[in-house]
Amino acid sequence: MSRWRKSALGPARVVNCQSCGKQVAAHWTAIFAAIPAFLGGLAFMKSESLPLGIAAIVGGLLLMGVLHTYLVPLVRSGAK
């Protein structure tokens, strides 16, 4: 599965595995991968500097993508 396709998955979104054809989804812990993006947005709102705030958001989104890509496992889904 490509990184882009996996990054679009979440606990509630199910897709068919390209290898085995079974339905897979991201593990429910994928929700926690969004924390860096949330903190980046919070830093943006509290920042006095626009470039620093934008950098916080971009950094949070990048970190979220890395966490989701490399740490969040795929699990078989029971949904049909």
PDB file of N, CA and C in Angstrom:
ATOM      1  N   MET A   1       0.851  -1.166   0.000  1.00  0.00           N
ATOM      2  CA  MET A   1       0.000   0.000   0.000  1.00  0.00           C
ATOM      3  C   MET A   1       0.897   1.229   0.000  1.00  0.00           C
ATOM      4  N   SER A   2       0.567   2.188  -0.805  1.00  0.00           N
ATOM      5  CA  SER A   2       1.382   3.396  -0.875  1.00  0.00           C
ATOM      6  C   SER A   2       1.221   4.219   0.406  1.00  0.00           C
ATOM      7  N   ARG A   3       2.205   5.042   0.672  1.00  0.00           N
ATOM      8  CA  ARG A   3       2.143   5.900   1.869  1.00  0.00           C
ATOM      9  C   ARG A   3       0.975   6.866   1.783  1.00  0.00           C
ATOM     10  N   TRP A   4       0.729   7.393   0.597  1.00  0.00           N
ATOM     11  CA  TRP A   4      -0.373   8.342   0.416  1.00  0.00           C
ATOM     12  C   TRP A   4      -1.715   7.669   0.723  1.00  0.00           C
ATOM     13  N   ARG A   5      -1.896   6.431   0.239  1.00  0.00           N
ATOM     14  CA  ARG A   5      -3.151   5.712   0.475  1.00  0.00           C
ATOM     15  C   ARG A   5      -3.308   5.382   1.958  1.00  0.00           C
ATOM     16  N   LYS A   6      -2.209   4.981   2.606  1.00  0.00           N
ATOM     17  CA  LYS A   6      -2.287   4.664   4.031  1.00  0.00           C
ATOM     18  C   LYS A   6      -2.581   5.917   4.846  1.00  0.00           C
ATOM     19  N   SER A   7      -2.019   7.056   4.438  1.00  0.00           N
ATOM     20  CA  SER A   7      -2.249   8.283   5.204  1.00  0.00           C
ATOM     21  C   SER A   7      -3.702   8.736   5.121  1.00  0.00           C
ATOM     22  N   ALA A   8      -4.436   8.294   4.112  1.00  0.00           N
ATOM     23  CA  ALA A   8      -5.849   8.643   3.985  1.00  0.00           C
ATOM     24  C   ALA A   8      -6.744   7.711   4.792  1.00  0.00           C
ATOM     25  N   LEU A   9      -6.169   6.661   5.362  1.00  0.00           N
ATOM     26  CA  LEU A   9      -6.959   5.723   6.160  1.00  0.00           C
ATOM     27  C   LEU A   9      -7.132   6.227   7.581  1.00  0.00           C
ATOM     28  N   GLY A  10      -8.165   5.784   8.197  1.00  0.00           N
ATOM     29  CA  GLY A  10      -8.414   6.038   9.605  1.00  0.00           C
ATOM     30  C   GLY A  10      -9.132   4.835  10.176  1.00  0.00           C
ATOM     31  N   PRO A  11      -9.438   4.854  11.449  1.00  0.00           N
ATOM     32  CA  PRO A  11     -10.127   3.712  12.057  1.00  0.00           C
ATOM     33  C   PRO A  11     -11.497   3.429  11.443  1.00  0.00           C
ATOM     34  N   ALA A  12     -12.145   4.443  10.899  1.00  0.00           N
ATOM     35  CA  ALA A  12     -13.487   4.246  10.350  1.00  0.00           C
ATOM     36  C   ALA A  12     -13.486   4.038   8.835  1.00  0.00           C
ATOM     37  N   ARG A  13     -12.360   4.257   8.168  1.00  0.00           N
ATOM     38  CA  ARG A  13     -12.288   4.094   6.719  1.00  0.00           C
ATOM     39  C   ARG A  13     -11.636   2.755   6.397  1.00  0.00           C
ATOM     40  N   VAL A  14     -12.311   1.953   5.594  1.00  0.00           N
ATOM     41  CA  VAL A  14     -11.861   0.609   5.268  1.00  0.00           C
ATOM     42  C   VAL A  14     -11.582   0.527   3.769  1.00  0.00           C
ATOM     43  N   VAL A  15     -10.461  -0.112   3.411  1.00  0.00           N
ATOM     44  CA  VAL A  15     -10.128  -0.354   2.001  1.00  0.00           C
ATOM     45  C   VAL A  15      -9.707  -1.806   1.848  1.00  0.00           C
ATOM     46  N   ASN A  16      -9.705  -2.280   0.625  1.00  0.00           N
ATOM     47  CA  ASN A  16      -9.258  -3.643   0.354  1.00  0.00           C
ATOM     48  C   ASN A  16      -7.744  -3.663   0.210  1.00  0.00           C
ATOM     49  N   CYS A  17      -7.112  -4.645   0.826  1.00  0.00           N
ATOM     50  CA  CYS A  17      -5.666  -4.824   0.748  1.00  0.00           C
ATOM     51  C   CYS A  17      -5.299  -5.225  -0.679  1.00  0.00           C
ATOM     52  N   GLN A  18      -4.220  -4.635  -1.204  1.00  0.00           N
ATOM     53  CA  GLN A  18      -3.794  -4.971  -2.558  1.00  0.00           C
ATOM     54  C   GLN A  18      -3.188  -6.366  -2.624  1.00  0.00           C
ATOM     55  N   SER A  19      -2.637  -6.855  -1.532  1.00  0.00           N
ATOM     56  CA  SER A  19      -1.990  -8.168  -1.531  1.00  0.00           C
ATOM     57  C   SER A  19      -2.982  -9.314  -1.358  1.00  0.00           C
ATOM     58  N   CYS A  20      -3.811  -9.235  -0.315  1.00  0.00           N
ATOM     59  CA  CYS A  20      -4.691 -10.361   0.003  1.00  0.00           C
ATOM     60  C   CYS A  20      -6.153 -10.116  -0.342  1.00  0.00           C
ATOM     61  N   GLY A  21      -6.549  -8.873  -0.584  1.00  0.00           N
ATOM     62  CA  GLY A  21      -7.927  -8.567  -0.935  1.00  0.00           C
ATOM     63  C   GLY A  21      -8.863  -8.397   0.241  1.00  0.00           C
ATOM     64  N   LYS A  22      -8.375  -8.646   1.463  1.00  0.00           N
ATOM     65  CA  LYS A  22      -9.224  -8.486   2.647  1.00  0.00           C
ATOM     66  C   LYS A  22      -9.306  -7.008   3.025  1.00  0.00           C
ATOM     67  N   GLN A  23     -10.324  -6.687   3.802  1.00  0.00           N
ATOM     68  CA  GLN A  23     -10.515  -5.299   4.207  1.00  0.00           C
ATOM     69  C   GLN A  23      -9.595  -4.945   5.370  1.00  0.00           C
ATOM     70  N   VAL A  24      -8.929  -3.797   5.241  1.00  0.00           N
ATOM     71  CA  VAL A  24      -8.033  -3.316   6.287  1.00  0.00           C
ATOM     72  C   VAL A  24      -8.367  -1.869   6.619  1.00  0.00           C
ATOM     73  N   ALA A  25      -7.997  -1.483   7.831  1.00  0.00           N
ATOM     74  CA  ALA A  25      -8.176  -0.108   8.299  1.00  0.00           C
ATOM     75  C   ALA A  25      -6.981   0.227   9.184  1.00  0.00           C
ATOM     76  N   ALA A  26      -6.820   1.490   9.484  1.00  0.00           N
ATOM     77  CA  ALA A  26      -5.773   1.893  10.411  1.00  0.00           C
ATOM     78  C   ALA A  26      -6.227   1.531  11.826  1.00  0.00           C
ATOM     79  N   HIS A  27      -5.277   1.204  12.678  1.00  0.00           N
ATOM     80  CA  HIS A  27      -5.569   0.889  14.069  1.00  0.00           C
ATOM     81  C   HIS A  27      -6.171   2.124  14.747  1.00  0.00           C
ATOM     82  N   TRP A  28      -6.962   1.923  15.770  1.00  0.00           N
ATOM     83  CA  TRP A  28      -7.631   3.039  16.438  1.00  0.00           C
ATOM     84  C   TRP A  28      -6.643   4.030  17.048  1.00  0.00           C
ATOM     85  N   THR A  29      -5.409   3.610  17.275  1.00  0.00           N
ATOM     86  CA  THR A  29      -4.417   4.539  17.831  1.00  0.00           C
ATOM     87  C   THR A  29      -4.005   5.616  16.831  1.00  0.00           C
ATOM     88  N   ALA A  30      -4.473   5.512  15.581  1.00  0.00           N
ATOM     89  CA  ALA A  30      -4.189   6.536  14.574  1.00  0.00           C
ATOM     90  C   ALA A  30      -4.731   7.898  15.006  1.00  0.00           C
ATOM     91  N   ILE A  31      -5.718   7.883  15.869  1.00  0.00           N
ATOM     92  CA  ILE A  31      -6.289   9.131  16.370  1.00  0.00           C
ATOM     93  C   ILE A  31      -5.210   9.962  17.069  1.00  0.00           C
ATOM     94  N   PHE A  32      -4.298   9.301  17.775  1.00  0.00           N
ATOM     95  CA  PHE A  32      -3.265  10.014  18.514  1.00  0.00           C
ATOM     96  C   PHE A  32      -2.208  10.636  17.605  1.00  0.00           C
ATOM     97  N   ALA A  33      -2.113  10.179  16.368  1.00  0.00           N
ATOM     98  CA  ALA A  33      -1.156  10.755  15.423  1.00  0.00           C
ATOM     99  C   ALA A  33      -1.541  12.192  15.069  1.00  0.00           C
ATOM    100  N   ALA A  34      -2.783  12.585  15.311  1.00  0.00           N
ATOM    101  CA  ALA A  34      -3.238  13.939  15.003  1.00  0.00           C
ATOM    102  C   ALA A  34      -2.842  14.956  16.075  1.00  0.00           C
ATOM    103  N   ILE A  35      -2.316  14.505  17.193  1.00  0.00           N
ATOM    104  CA  ILE A  35      -1.947  15.424  18.275  1.00  0.00           C
ATOM    105  C   ILE A  35      -0.923  16.468  17.838  1.00  0.00           C
ATOM    106  N   PRO A  36       0.149  16.110  17.092  1.00  0.00           N
ATOM    107  CA  PRO A  36       1.093  17.155  16.674  1.00  0.00           C
ATOM    108  C   PRO A  36       0.459  18.236  15.795  1.00  0.00           C
ATOM    109  N   ALA A  37      -0.461  17.875  14.923  1.00  0.00           N
ATOM    110  CA  ALA A  37      -1.137  18.869  14.092  1.00  0.00           C
ATOM    111  C   ALA A  37      -2.001  19.785  14.956  1.00  0.00           C
ATOM    112  N   PHE A  38      -2.677  19.210  15.927  1.00  0.00           N
ATOM    113  CA  PHE A  38      -3.481  20.011  16.853  1.00  0.00           C
ATOM    114  C   PHE A  38      -2.606  20.984  17.630  1.00  0.00           C
ATOM    115  N   LEU A  39      -1.465  20.487  18.126  1.00  0.00           N
ATOM    116  CA  LEU A  39      -0.555  21.360  18.879  1.00  0.00           C
ATOM    117  C   LEU A  39       0.046  22.448  17.992  1.00  0.00           C
ATOM    118  N   GLY A  40       0.291  22.125  16.718  1.00  0.00           N
ATOM    119  CA  GLY A  40       0.771  23.140  15.782  1.00  0.00           C
ATOM    120  C   GLY A  40      -0.257  24.240  15.577  1.00  0.00           C
ATOM    121  N   GLY A  41      -1.515  23.863  15.466  1.00  0.00           N
ATOM    122  CA  GLY A  41      -2.583  24.853  15.345  1.00  0.00           C
ATOM    123  C   GLY A  41      -2.722  25.698  16.597  1.00  0.00           C
ATOM    124  N   LEU A  42      -2.561  25.070  17.736  1.00  0.00           N
ATOM    125  CA  LEU A  42      -2.611  25.810  18.997  1.00  0.00           C
ATOM    126  C   LEU A  42      -1.452  26.803  19.086  1.00  0.00           C
ATOM    127  N   ALA A  43      -0.266  26.363  18.676  1.00  0.00           N
ATOM    128  CA  ALA A  43       0.897  27.260  18.671  1.00  0.00           C
ATOM    129  C   ALA A  43       0.679  28.417  17.695  1.00  0.00           C
ATOM    130  N   PHE A  44       0.030  28.141  16.571  1.00  0.00           N
ATOM    131  CA  PHE A  44      -0.269  29.189  15.591  1.00  0.00           C
ATOM    132  C   PHE A  44      -1.176  30.253  16.192  1.00  0.00           C
ATOM    133  N   MET A  45      -2.193  29.830  16.933  1.00  0.00           N
ATOM    134  CA  MET A  45      -3.132  30.789  17.528  1.00  0.00           C
ATOM    135  C   MET A  45      -2.472  31.619  18.623  1.00  0.00           C
ATOM    136  N   LYS A  46      -1.519  31.052  19.339  1.00  0.00           N
ATOM    137  CA  LYS A  46      -0.880  31.756  20.442  1.00  0.00           C
ATOM    138  C   LYS A  46       0.361  32.534  20.009  1.00  0.00           C
ATOM    139  N   SER A  47       0.813  32.312  18.771  1.00  0.00           N
ATOM    140  CA  SER A  47       2.057  32.920  18.295  1.00  0.00           C
ATOM    141  C   SER A  47       1.856  34.393  17.956  1.00  0.00           C
ATOM    142  N   GLU A  48       2.874  35.189  18.268  1.00  0.00           N
ATOM    143  CA  GLU A  48       2.869  36.598  17.905  1.00  0.00           C
ATOM    144  C   GLU A  48       3.367  36.785  16.478  1.00  0.00           C
ATOM    145  N   SER A  49       4.059  35.792  15.949  1.00  0.00           N
ATOM    146  CA  SER A  49       4.675  35.878  14.633  1.00  0.00           C
ATOM    147  C   SER A  49       3.954  34.960  13.650  1.00  0.00           C
ATOM    148  N   LEU A  50       3.507  35.521  12.523  1.00  0.00           N
ATOM    149  CA  LEU A  50       2.813  34.727  11.520  1.00  0.00           C
ATOM    150  C   LEU A  50       3.714  33.644  10.925  1.00  0.00           C
ATOM    151  N   PRO A  51       4.948  33.940  10.515  1.00  0.00           N
ATOM    152  CA  PRO A  51       5.798  32.873   9.974  1.00  0.00           C
ATOM    153  C   PRO A  51       6.079  31.752  10.977  1.00  0.00           C
ATOM    154  N   LEU A  52       6.268  32.095  12.242  1.00  0.00           N
ATOM    155  CA  LEU A  52       6.497  31.084  13.271  1.00  0.00           C
ATOM    156  C   LEU A  52       5.254  30.217  13.464  1.00  0.00           C
ATOM    157  N   GLY A  53       4.083  30.820  13.424  1.00  0.00           N
ATOM    158  CA  GLY A  53       2.842  30.066  13.560  1.00  0.00           C
ATOM    159  C   GLY A  53       2.613  29.123  12.391  1.00  0.00           C
ATOM    160  N   ILE A  54       2.900  29.607  11.177  1.00  0.00           N
ATOM    161  CA  ILE A  54       2.753  28.755  10.001  1.00  0.00           C
ATOM    162  C   ILE A  54       3.751  27.599  10.052  1.00  0.00           C
ATOM    163  N   ALA A  55       4.972  27.891  10.505  1.00  0.00           N
ATOM    164  CA  ALA A  55       5.972  26.832  10.648  1.00  0.00           C
ATOM    165  C   ALA A  55       5.517  25.781  11.661  1.00  0.00           C
ATOM    166  N   ALA A  56       4.837  26.209  12.724  1.00  0.00           N
ATOM    167  CA  ALA A  56       4.332  25.269  13.729  1.00  0.00           C
ATOM    168  C   ALA A  56       3.276  24.351  13.125  1.00  0.00           C
ATOM    169  N   ILE A  57       2.393  24.910  12.314  1.00  0.00           N
ATOM    170  CA  ILE A  57       1.361  24.094  11.676  1.00  0.00           C
ATOM    171  C   ILE A  57       1.990  23.107  10.696  1.00  0.00           C
ATOM    172  N   VAL A  58       2.898  23.595   9.852  1.00  0.00           N
ATOM    173  CA  VAL A  58       3.545  22.722   8.867  1.00  0.00           C
ATOM    174  C   VAL A  58       4.331  21.614   9.570  1.00  0.00           C
ATOM    175  N   GLY A  59       5.059  21.971  10.626  1.00  0.00           N
ATOM    176  CA  GLY A  59       5.808  20.972  11.388  1.00  0.00           C
ATOM    177  C   GLY A  59       4.897  19.938  12.024  1.00  0.00           C
ATOM    178  N   GLY A  60       3.781  20.395  12.574  1.00  0.00           N
ATOM    179  CA  GLY A  60       2.816  19.470  13.172  1.00  0.00           C
ATOM    180  C   GLY A  60       2.213  18.524  12.154  1.00  0.00           C
ATOM    181  N   LEU A  61       1.898  19.042  10.967  1.00  0.00           N
ATOM    182  CA  LEU A  61       1.336  18.190   9.918  1.00  0.00           C
ATOM    183  C   LEU A  61       2.367  17.184   9.415  1.00  0.00           C
ATOM    184  N   LEU A  62       3.617  17.624   9.270  1.00  0.00           N
ATOM    185  CA  LEU A  62       4.665  16.700   8.836  1.00  0.00           C
ATOM    186  C   LEU A  62       4.888  15.592   9.859  1.00  0.00           C
ATOM    187  N   LEU A  63       4.941  15.967  11.130  1.00  0.00           N
ATOM    188  CA  LEU A  63       5.126  14.972  12.181  1.00  0.00           C
ATOM    189  C   LEU A  63       3.943  14.013  12.239  1.00  0.00           C
ATOM    190  N   MET A  64       2.743  14.528  12.044  1.00  0.00           N
ATOM    191  CA  MET A  64       1.569  13.666  12.013  1.00  0.00           C
ATOM    192  C   MET A  64       1.682  12.658  10.870  1.00  0.00           C
ATOM    193  N   GLY A  65       2.113  13.114   9.701  1.00  0.00           N
ATOM    194  CA  GLY A  65       2.271  12.214   8.565  1.00  0.00           C
ATOM    195  C   GLY A  65       3.299  11.133   8.818  1.00  0.00           C
ATOM    196  N   VAL A  66       4.418  11.500   9.439  1.00  0.00           N
ATOM    197  CA  VAL A  66       5.463  10.513   9.752  1.00  0.00           C
ATOM    198  C   VAL A  66       4.953   9.492  10.762  1.00  0.00           C
ATOM    199  N   LEU A  67       4.286   9.965  11.802  1.00  0.00           N
ATOM    200  CA  LEU A  67       3.742   9.044  12.800  1.00  0.00           C
ATOM    201  C   LEU A  67       2.729   8.091  12.179  1.00  0.00           C
ATOM    202  N   HIS A  68       1.842   8.636  11.363  1.00  0.00           N
ATOM    203  CA  HIS A  68       0.806   7.805  10.752  1.00  0.00           C
ATOM    204  C   HIS A  68       1.412   6.791   9.785  1.00  0.00           C
ATOM    205  N   THR A  69       2.429   7.210   9.043  1.00  0.00           N
ATOM    206  CA  THR A  69       3.033   6.330   8.051  1.00  0.00           C
ATOM    207  C   THR A  69       3.842   5.204   8.677  1.00  0.00           C
ATOM    208  N   TYR A  70       4.639   5.527   9.685  1.00  0.00           N
ATOM    209  CA  TYR A  70       5.598   4.544  10.202  1.00  0.00           C
ATOM    210  C   TYR A  70       5.201   3.860  11.515  1.00  0.00           C
ATOM    211  N   LEU A  71       4.274   4.435  12.277  1.00  0.00           N
ATOM    212  CA  LEU A  71       3.949   3.841  13.574  1.00  0.00           C
ATOM    213  C   LEU A  71       2.543   3.256  13.685  1.00  0.00           C
ATOM    214  N   VAL A  72       1.627   3.719  12.859  1.00  0.00           N
ATOM    215  CA  VAL A  72       0.239   3.241  12.952  1.00  0.00           C
ATOM    216  C   VAL A  72       0.107   1.967  12.123  1.00  0.00           C
ATOM    217  N   PRO A  73      -0.235   0.857  12.766  1.00  0.00           N
ATOM    218  CA  PRO A  73      -0.363  -0.399  12.011  1.00  0.00           C
ATOM    219  C   PRO A  73      -1.712  -0.517  11.299  1.00  0.00           C
ATOM    220  N   LEU A  74      -1.729  -1.333  10.279  1.00  0.00           N
ATOM    221  CA  LEU A  74      -2.984  -1.672   9.609  1.00  0.00           C
ATOM    222  C   LEU A  74      -3.533  -2.935  10.269  1.00  0.00           C
ATOM    223  N   VAL A  75      -4.838  -2.989  10.425  1.00  0.00           N
ATOM    224  CA  VAL A  75      -5.491  -4.144  11.037  1.00  0.00           C
ATOM    225  C   VAL A  75      -6.633  -4.609  10.123  1.00  0.00           C
ATOM    226  N   ARG A  76      -6.928  -5.889  10.225  1.00  0.00           N
ATOM    227  CA  ARG A  76      -8.072  -6.410   9.473  1.00  0.00           C
ATOM    228  C   ARG A  76      -9.351  -5.819  10.024  1.00  0.00           C
ATOM    229  N   SER A  77     -10.253  -5.534   9.136  1.00  0.00           N
ATOM    230  CA  SER A  77     -11.518  -4.939   9.537  1.00  0.00           C
ATOM    231  C   SER A  77     -12.627  -5.970   9.423  1.00  0.00           C
ATOM    232  N   GLY A  78     -13.565  -5.904  10.363  1.00  0.00           N
ATOM    233  CA  GLY A  78     -14.701  -6.823  10.336  1.00  0.00           C
ATOM    234  C   GLY A  78     -15.870  -6.261   9.545  1.00  0.00           C
ATOM    235  N   ALA A  79     -15.775  -4.976   9.120  1.00  0.00           N
ATOM    236  CA  ALA A  79     -16.869  -4.353   8.378  1.00  0.00           C
ATOM    237  C   ALA A  79     -16.958  -4.942   6.979  1.00  0.00           C
ATOM    238  N   LYS A  80     -18.147  -5.045   6.470  1.00  0.00           N
ATOM    239  CA  LYS A  80     -18.350  -5.592   5.125  1.00  0.00           C
ATOM    240  C   LYS A  80     -18.764  -4.503   4.181  1.00  0.00           C
TER     241      LYS A  80
END
